[in-house]
Amino acid sequence: MTAFDPVRRDVLKLTAVTGGAIAAAPFLPTAGTAAAAQSASAAVAAMTVAFRVNGTEHRLSLDSRTTLLDALREHLQLPGTKKGCGLGQCGACTVLMDGKRVKSCLVLAALAEGREITTIEGLAQGDQLHPLQLAFIERDAFQCGYCTSGQIMAGVACIAEGHAKSPQEIRDWMSGNLCRCGAYDNIVAAIQDAARKG
């Protein structure tokens, strides 16, 4: 049991309190400003978050504002999950949480407490690549490679969800992942190949 076991409501309350303290600071006397700043700092103090990433249990002490993306990249040194737009629009940061795709830039690490997270680094079994990773190589489904990890993670979910029955269905369900190089035809073909192989 952690000292702070947040649910969505707790995180929203914490955000409101912190934002209120910061917004009110300019209107307080000088002595009050220091107190407000100290209060705001205390509100975002470190918290312990425990979750499994690629089959390994991790317990991290994080600022309560830390996103899952930053926890993975900066605290666990898993750089395969890319930092793209930071707004959930490009999909470069897609990971699986309990088997479902999420954009990790939009998820607070605190909300991943007790969850199973899979990143691109966790797909392969030793030296054996995941079938979709192999299909991406065979179909040349990437150019610059920046979006590739997010595309693969979303593609794995797309297949698991049963949304890979036709090229149009794949395009519809992969529409949240952008490829600025325009390798969409090859991405769709790779997902079809992997889906056929099961």
C-alpha atoms as a PDB file:
ATOM      1  CA  MET A   1       0.000   0.000   0.000  1.00  0.00           C
ATOM      2  CA  THR A   2       1.432   3.358  -0.982  1.00  0.00           C
ATOM      3  CA  ALA A   3       1.287   6.491   1.125  1.00  0.00           C
ATOM      4  CA  PHE A   4      -0.827   8.168  -1.566  1.00  0.00           C
ATOM      5  CA  ASP A   5      -3.059   5.937  -3.669  1.00  0.00           C
ATOM      6  CA  PRO A   6      -4.784   8.370  -6.051  1.00  0.00           C
ATOM      7  CA  VAL A   7      -7.882   7.957  -8.098  1.00  0.00           C
ATOM      8  CA  ARG A   8      -8.857  10.362 -10.867  1.00  0.00           C
ATOM      9  CA  ARG A   9     -10.850  12.534  -8.432  1.00  0.00           C
ATOM     10  CA  ASP A  10      -7.827  12.906  -6.117  1.00  0.00           C
ATOM     11  CA  VAL A  11      -5.585  13.957  -9.011  1.00  0.00           C
ATOM     12  CA  LEU A  12      -8.158  16.521 -10.170  1.00  0.00           C
ATOM     13  CA  LYS A  13      -8.477  17.915  -6.610  1.00  0.00           C
ATOM     14  CA  LEU A  14      -4.699  18.126  -6.325  1.00  0.00           C
ATOM     15  CA  THR A  15      -4.515  19.952  -9.651  1.00  0.00           C
ATOM     16  CA  ALA A  16      -7.247  22.407  -8.576  1.00  0.00           C
ATOM     17  CA  VAL A  17      -5.544  23.141  -5.240  1.00  0.00           C
ATOM     18  CA  THR A  18      -2.163  23.627  -6.878  1.00  0.00           C
ATOM     19  CA  GLY A  19      -3.588  25.826  -9.634  1.00  0.00           C
ATOM     20  CA  GLY A  20      -5.537  27.899  -7.103  1.00  0.00           C
ATOM     21  CA  ALA A  21      -2.463  28.496  -4.968  1.00  0.00           C
ATOM     22  CA  ILE A  22      -0.403  29.529  -7.984  1.00  0.00           C
ATOM     23  CA  ALA A  23      -3.148  31.782  -9.406  1.00  0.00           C
ATOM     24  CA  ALA A  24      -3.754  33.511  -6.053  1.00  0.00           C
ATOM     25  CA  ALA A  25      -0.067  34.141  -5.326  1.00  0.00           C
ATOM     26  CA  PRO A  26       0.198  37.528  -7.144  1.00  0.00           C
ATOM     27  CA  PHE A  27      -2.711  38.944  -5.115  1.00  0.00           C
ATOM     28  CA  LEU A  28      -1.296  38.070  -1.701  1.00  0.00           C
ATOM     29  CA  PRO A  29       1.055  40.241   0.378  1.00  0.00           C
ATOM     30  CA  THR A  30       4.754  39.454   0.022  1.00  0.00           C
ATOM     31  CA  ALA A  31       4.846  37.223   3.099  1.00  0.00           C
ATOM     32  CA  GLY A  32       1.742  35.437   1.835  1.00  0.00           C
ATOM     33  CA  THR A  33       3.322  34.927  -1.582  1.00  0.00           C
ATOM     34  CA  ALA A  34       6.134  32.913  -0.043  1.00  0.00           C
ATOM     35  CA  ALA A  35       3.613  30.887   1.949  1.00  0.00           C
ATOM     36  CA  ALA A  36       1.502  30.258  -1.168  1.00  0.00           C
ATOM     37  CA  ALA A  37       4.554  29.185  -3.146  1.00  0.00           C
ATOM     38  CA  GLN A  38       5.585  26.835  -0.347  1.00  0.00           C
ATOM     39  CA  SER A  39       2.033  25.452  -0.207  1.00  0.00           C
ATOM     40  CA  ALA A  40       2.040  24.905  -3.977  1.00  0.00           C
ATOM     41  CA  SER A  41       5.388  23.123  -3.758  1.00  0.00           C
ATOM     42  CA  ALA A  42       4.105  20.860  -1.010  1.00  0.00           C
ATOM     43  CA  ALA A  43       0.985  20.054  -3.047  1.00  0.00           C
ATOM     44  CA  VAL A  44       3.087  18.669  -5.894  1.00  0.00           C
ATOM     45  CA  ALA A  45       5.547  16.855  -3.670  1.00  0.00           C
ATOM     46  CA  ALA A  46       6.895  13.473  -4.606  1.00  0.00           C
ATOM     47  CA  MET A  47       4.597  10.491  -4.462  1.00  0.00           C
ATOM     48  CA  THR A  48       5.285   6.798  -4.851  1.00  0.00           C
ATOM     49  CA  VAL A  49       3.824   5.064  -7.890  1.00  0.00           C
ATOM     50  CA  ALA A  50       4.101   1.333  -8.535  1.00  0.00           C
ATOM     51  CA  PHE A  51       3.347  -0.356 -11.853  1.00  0.00           C
ATOM     52  CA  ARG A  52       4.667  -3.137 -14.067  1.00  0.00           C
ATOM     53  CA  VAL A  53       6.475  -2.185 -17.244  1.00  0.00           C
ATOM     54  CA  ASN A  54       7.268  -4.926 -19.759  1.00  0.00           C
ATOM     55  CA  GLY A  55       6.796  -7.556 -17.064  1.00  0.00           C
ATOM     56  CA  THR A  56       9.005  -5.895 -14.435  1.00  0.00           C
ATOM     57  CA  GLU A  57       7.643  -4.263 -11.276  1.00  0.00           C
ATOM     58  CA  HIS A  58       8.773  -0.659 -10.761  1.00  0.00           C
ATOM     59  CA  ARG A  59       8.249   1.648  -7.788  1.00  0.00           C
ATOM     60  CA  LEU A  60       9.082   5.268  -8.519  1.00  0.00           C
ATOM     61  CA  SER A  61       9.092   8.449  -6.469  1.00  0.00           C
ATOM     62  CA  LEU A  62       7.601  11.032  -8.842  1.00  0.00           C
ATOM     63  CA  ASP A  63       6.281  14.567  -8.886  1.00  0.00           C
ATOM     64  CA  SER A  64       2.485  14.200  -8.940  1.00  0.00           C
ATOM     65  CA  ARG A  65       2.377  16.049 -12.301  1.00  0.00           C
ATOM     66  CA  THR A  66       4.632  13.533 -14.079  1.00  0.00           C
ATOM     67  CA  THR A  67       3.093  11.960 -17.157  1.00  0.00           C
ATOM     68  CA  LEU A  68       3.423   8.277 -17.920  1.00  0.00           C
ATOM     69  CA  LEU A  69       5.494   9.270 -20.957  1.00  0.00           C
ATOM     70  CA  ASP A  70       8.036  11.129 -18.817  1.00  0.00           C
ATOM     71  CA  ALA A  71       8.106   8.334 -16.236  1.00  0.00           C
ATOM     72  CA  LEU A  72       8.973   5.845 -18.978  1.00  0.00           C
ATOM     73  CA  ARG A  73      11.531   7.989 -20.781  1.00  0.00           C
ATOM     74  CA  GLU A  74      13.154   9.987 -17.994  1.00  0.00           C
ATOM     75  CA  HIS A  75      12.868   7.696 -14.977  1.00  0.00           C
ATOM     76  CA  LEU A  76      12.987   4.196 -16.490  1.00  0.00           C
ATOM     77  CA  GLN A  77      15.241   5.047 -19.455  1.00  0.00           C
ATOM     78  CA  LEU A  78      12.869   3.507 -22.025  1.00  0.00           C
ATOM     79  CA  PRO A  79      13.293   5.947 -24.933  1.00  0.00           C
ATOM     80  CA  GLY A  80      11.398   3.851 -27.494  1.00  0.00           C
ATOM     81  CA  THR A  81       8.178   5.651 -26.567  1.00  0.00           C
ATOM     82  CA  LYS A  82       8.548   8.950 -28.405  1.00  0.00           C
ATOM     83  CA  LYS A  83       7.674  12.436 -27.244  1.00  0.00           C
ATOM     84  CA  GLY A  84       5.828  14.036 -30.139  1.00  0.00           C
ATOM     85  CA  CYS A  85       3.151  16.713 -29.871  1.00  0.00           C
ATOM     86  CA  GLY A  86       2.450  16.385 -26.121  1.00  0.00           C
ATOM     87  CA  LEU A  87      -1.250  16.872 -26.893  1.00  0.00           C
ATOM     88  CA  GLY A  88      -2.355  13.319 -27.770  1.00  0.00           C
ATOM     89  CA  GLN A  89      -2.715  14.187 -31.448  1.00  0.00           C
ATOM     90  CA  CYS A  90       0.229  12.416 -33.115  1.00  0.00           C
ATOM     91  CA  GLY A  91       0.270   9.009 -31.382  1.00  0.00           C
ATOM     92  CA  ALA A  92       4.085   8.760 -31.201  1.00  0.00           C
ATOM     93  CA  CYS A  93       3.802   8.063 -27.454  1.00  0.00           C
ATOM     94  CA  THR A  94       1.312   5.169 -27.758  1.00  0.00           C
ATOM     95  CA  VAL A  95       1.805   2.325 -25.265  1.00  0.00           C
ATOM     96  CA  LEU A  96      -0.434  -0.459 -24.009  1.00  0.00           C
ATOM     97  CA  MET A  97      -1.946  -0.162 -20.534  1.00  0.00           C
ATOM     98  CA  ASP A  98      -3.554  -3.419 -19.423  1.00  0.00           C
ATOM     99  CA  GLY A  99      -3.563  -4.393 -23.107  1.00  0.00           C
ATOM    100  CA  LYS A 100      -5.350  -1.244 -24.320  1.00  0.00           C
ATOM    101  CA  ARG A 101      -3.676   1.512 -26.278  1.00  0.00           C
ATOM    102  CA  VAL A 102      -3.191   4.847 -24.546  1.00  0.00           C
ATOM    103  CA  LYS A 103      -1.336   8.005 -25.442  1.00  0.00           C
ATOM    104  CA  SER A 104       1.127   8.207 -22.590  1.00  0.00           C
ATOM    105  CA  CYS A 105       1.555  11.991 -22.872  1.00  0.00           C
ATOM    106  CA  LEU A 106      -2.067  12.363 -21.688  1.00  0.00           C
ATOM    107  CA  VAL A 107      -1.917   9.904 -18.762  1.00  0.00           C
ATOM    108  CA  LEU A 108      -0.524  10.932 -15.388  1.00  0.00           C
ATOM    109  CA  ALA A 109       1.875   8.323 -14.041  1.00  0.00           C
ATOM    110  CA  ALA A 110      -0.167   8.304 -10.825  1.00  0.00           C
ATOM    111  CA  LEU A 111      -3.141   6.930 -12.771  1.00  0.00           C
ATOM    112  CA  ALA A 112      -1.031   3.978 -13.941  1.00  0.00           C
ATOM    113  CA  GLU A 113      -0.741   2.719 -10.352  1.00  0.00           C
ATOM    114  CA  GLY A 114      -1.018  -1.081 -10.309  1.00  0.00           C
ATOM    115  CA  ARG A 115      -1.335  -1.319 -14.107  1.00  0.00           C
ATOM    116  CA  GLU A 116       0.578  -3.406 -16.649  1.00  0.00           C
ATOM    117  CA  ILE A 117       2.344  -1.188 -19.178  1.00  0.00           C
ATOM    118  CA  THR A 118       3.855  -2.523 -22.397  1.00  0.00           C
ATOM    119  CA  THR A 119       6.222  -0.378 -24.457  1.00  0.00           C
ATOM    120  CA  ILE A 120       7.933  -1.095 -27.762  1.00  0.00           C
ATOM    121  CA  GLU A 121      10.911  -2.448 -25.775  1.00  0.00           C
ATOM    122  CA  GLY A 122       8.664  -5.161 -24.306  1.00  0.00           C
ATOM    123  CA  LEU A 123       7.196  -6.595 -27.528  1.00  0.00           C
ATOM    124  CA  ALA A 124      10.067  -8.837 -28.601  1.00  0.00           C
ATOM    125  CA  GLN A 125      10.713 -12.125 -26.810  1.00  0.00           C
ATOM    126  CA  GLY A 126      14.486 -12.055 -26.437  1.00  0.00           C
ATOM    127  CA  ASP A 127      15.903 -11.970 -29.977  1.00  0.00           C
ATOM    128  CA  GLN A 128      12.536 -12.965 -31.497  1.00  0.00           C
ATOM    129  CA  LEU A 129      10.752  -9.883 -32.797  1.00  0.00           C
ATOM    130  CA  HIS A 130       6.990  -9.512 -32.487  1.00  0.00           C
ATOM    131  CA  PRO A 131       5.180 -10.481 -35.747  1.00  0.00           C
ATOM    132  CA  LEU A 132       4.189  -6.849 -36.330  1.00  0.00           C
ATOM    133  CA  GLN A 133       7.771  -5.675 -35.883  1.00  0.00           C
ATOM    134  CA  LEU A 134       8.832  -8.230 -38.512  1.00  0.00           C
ATOM    135  CA  ALA A 135       6.008  -7.136 -40.827  1.00  0.00           C
ATOM    136  CA  PHE A 136       7.090  -3.488 -40.517  1.00  0.00           C
ATOM    137  CA  ILE A 137      10.596  -4.490 -41.607  1.00  0.00           C
ATOM    138  CA  GLU A 138       9.356  -6.712 -44.455  1.00  0.00           C
ATOM    139  CA  ARG A 139       6.908  -4.072 -45.736  1.00  0.00           C
ATOM    140  CA  ASP A 140       9.333  -1.164 -45.228  1.00  0.00           C
ATOM    141  CA  ALA A 141       6.612   0.516 -43.172  1.00  0.00           C
ATOM    142  CA  PHE A 142       8.756   3.354 -41.861  1.00  0.00           C
ATOM    143  CA  GLN A 143      11.004   6.068 -43.172  1.00  0.00           C
ATOM    144  CA  CYS A 144      12.386   8.428 -40.517  1.00  0.00           C
ATOM    145  CA  GLY A 145      11.229   5.978 -37.824  1.00  0.00           C
ATOM    146  CA  TYR A 146      10.070   8.571 -35.319  1.00  0.00           C
ATOM    147  CA  CYS A 147       6.431   7.454 -35.278  1.00  0.00           C
ATOM    148  CA  THR A 148       7.238   3.765 -35.728  1.00  0.00           C
ATOM    149  CA  SER A 149       7.093   2.665 -32.091  1.00  0.00           C
ATOM    150  CA  GLY A 150       3.711   4.347 -31.614  1.00  0.00           C
ATOM    151  CA  GLN A 151       2.446   2.930 -34.919  1.00  0.00           C
ATOM    152  CA  ILE A 152       3.496  -0.599 -33.916  1.00  0.00           C
ATOM    153  CA  MET A 153       1.948  -0.370 -30.447  1.00  0.00           C
ATOM    154  CA  ALA A 154      -1.313   0.975 -31.905  1.00  0.00           C
ATOM    155  CA  GLY A 155      -1.165  -1.718 -34.596  1.00  0.00           C
ATOM    156  CA  VAL A 156      -0.787  -4.476 -31.994  1.00  0.00           C
ATOM    157  CA  ALA A 157      -3.884  -3.119 -30.237  1.00  0.00           C
ATOM    158  CA  CYS A 158      -5.745  -2.749 -33.538  1.00  0.00           C
ATOM    159  CA  ILE A 159      -5.184  -6.447 -34.299  1.00  0.00           C
ATOM    160  CA  ALA A 160      -6.038  -7.540 -30.732  1.00  0.00           C
ATOM    161  CA  GLU A 161      -9.255  -5.498 -30.840  1.00  0.00           C
ATOM    162  CA  GLY A 162     -10.298  -7.242 -34.068  1.00  0.00           C
ATOM    163  CA  HIS A 163     -10.121  -4.100 -36.202  1.00  0.00           C
ATOM    164  CA  ALA A 164      -7.778  -5.369 -38.932  1.00  0.00           C
ATOM    165  CA  LYS A 165     -10.278  -7.020 -41.284  1.00  0.00           C
ATOM    166  CA  SER A 166      -9.802  -4.603 -44.198  1.00  0.00           C
ATOM    167  CA  PRO A 167      -7.441  -1.814 -45.258  1.00  0.00           C
ATOM    168  CA  GLN A 168     -10.163   0.790 -44.640  1.00  0.00           C
ATOM    169  CA  GLU A 169     -10.928  -0.566 -41.168  1.00  0.00           C
ATOM    170  CA  ILE A 170      -7.219  -0.448 -40.304  1.00  0.00           C
ATOM    171  CA  ARG A 171      -6.989   3.136 -41.572  1.00  0.00           C
ATOM    172  CA  ASP A 172     -10.012   4.126 -39.481  1.00  0.00           C
ATOM    173  CA  TRP A 173      -8.720   2.548 -36.278  1.00  0.00           C
ATOM    174  CA  MET A 174      -5.136   3.773 -36.807  1.00  0.00           C
ATOM    175  CA  SER A 175      -6.212   7.355 -37.587  1.00  0.00           C
ATOM    176  CA  GLY A 176      -4.924   8.604 -34.226  1.00  0.00           C
ATOM    177  CA  ASN A 177      -1.342   7.817 -35.244  1.00  0.00           C
ATOM    178  CA  LEU A 178       0.292  10.208 -37.687  1.00  0.00           C
ATOM    179  CA  CYS A 179       3.193   9.437 -40.038  1.00  0.00           C
ATOM    180  CA  ARG A 180       4.697  12.651 -41.310  1.00  0.00           C
ATOM    181  CA  CYS A 181       6.677  10.694 -43.924  1.00  0.00           C
ATOM    182  CA  GLY A 182       3.437   9.310 -45.386  1.00  0.00           C
ATOM    183  CA  ALA A 183       4.195   5.586 -45.103  1.00  0.00           C
ATOM    184  CA  TYR A 184       0.507   4.795 -44.488  1.00  0.00           C
ATOM    185  CA  ASP A 185       0.071   2.241 -47.298  1.00  0.00           C
ATOM    186  CA  ASN A 186       3.004   0.190 -46.026  1.00  0.00           C
ATOM    187  CA  ILE A 187       1.836   0.485 -42.405  1.00  0.00           C
ATOM    188  CA  VAL A 188      -1.609  -0.826 -43.372  1.00  0.00           C
ATOM    189  CA  ALA A 189      -0.048  -3.679 -45.360  1.00  0.00           C
ATOM    190  CA  ALA A 190       2.194  -4.616 -42.410  1.00  0.00           C
ATOM    191  CA  ILE A 191      -0.764  -4.694 -40.022  1.00  0.00           C
ATOM    192  CA  GLN A 192      -2.726  -6.859 -42.492  1.00  0.00           C
ATOM    193  CA  ASP A 193       0.205  -9.298 -42.771  1.00  0.00           C
ATOM    194  CA  ALA A 194       0.602  -9.588 -39.000  1.00  0.00           C
ATOM    195  CA  ALA A 195      -3.155 -10.003 -38.523  1.00  0.00           C
ATOM    196  CA  ARG A 196      -3.237 -12.850 -41.066  1.00  0.00           C
ATOM    197  CA  LYS A 197      -0.392 -14.608 -39.252  1.00  0.00           C
ATOM    198  CA  GLY A 198      -2.239 -14.245 -35.948  1.00  0.00           C
END
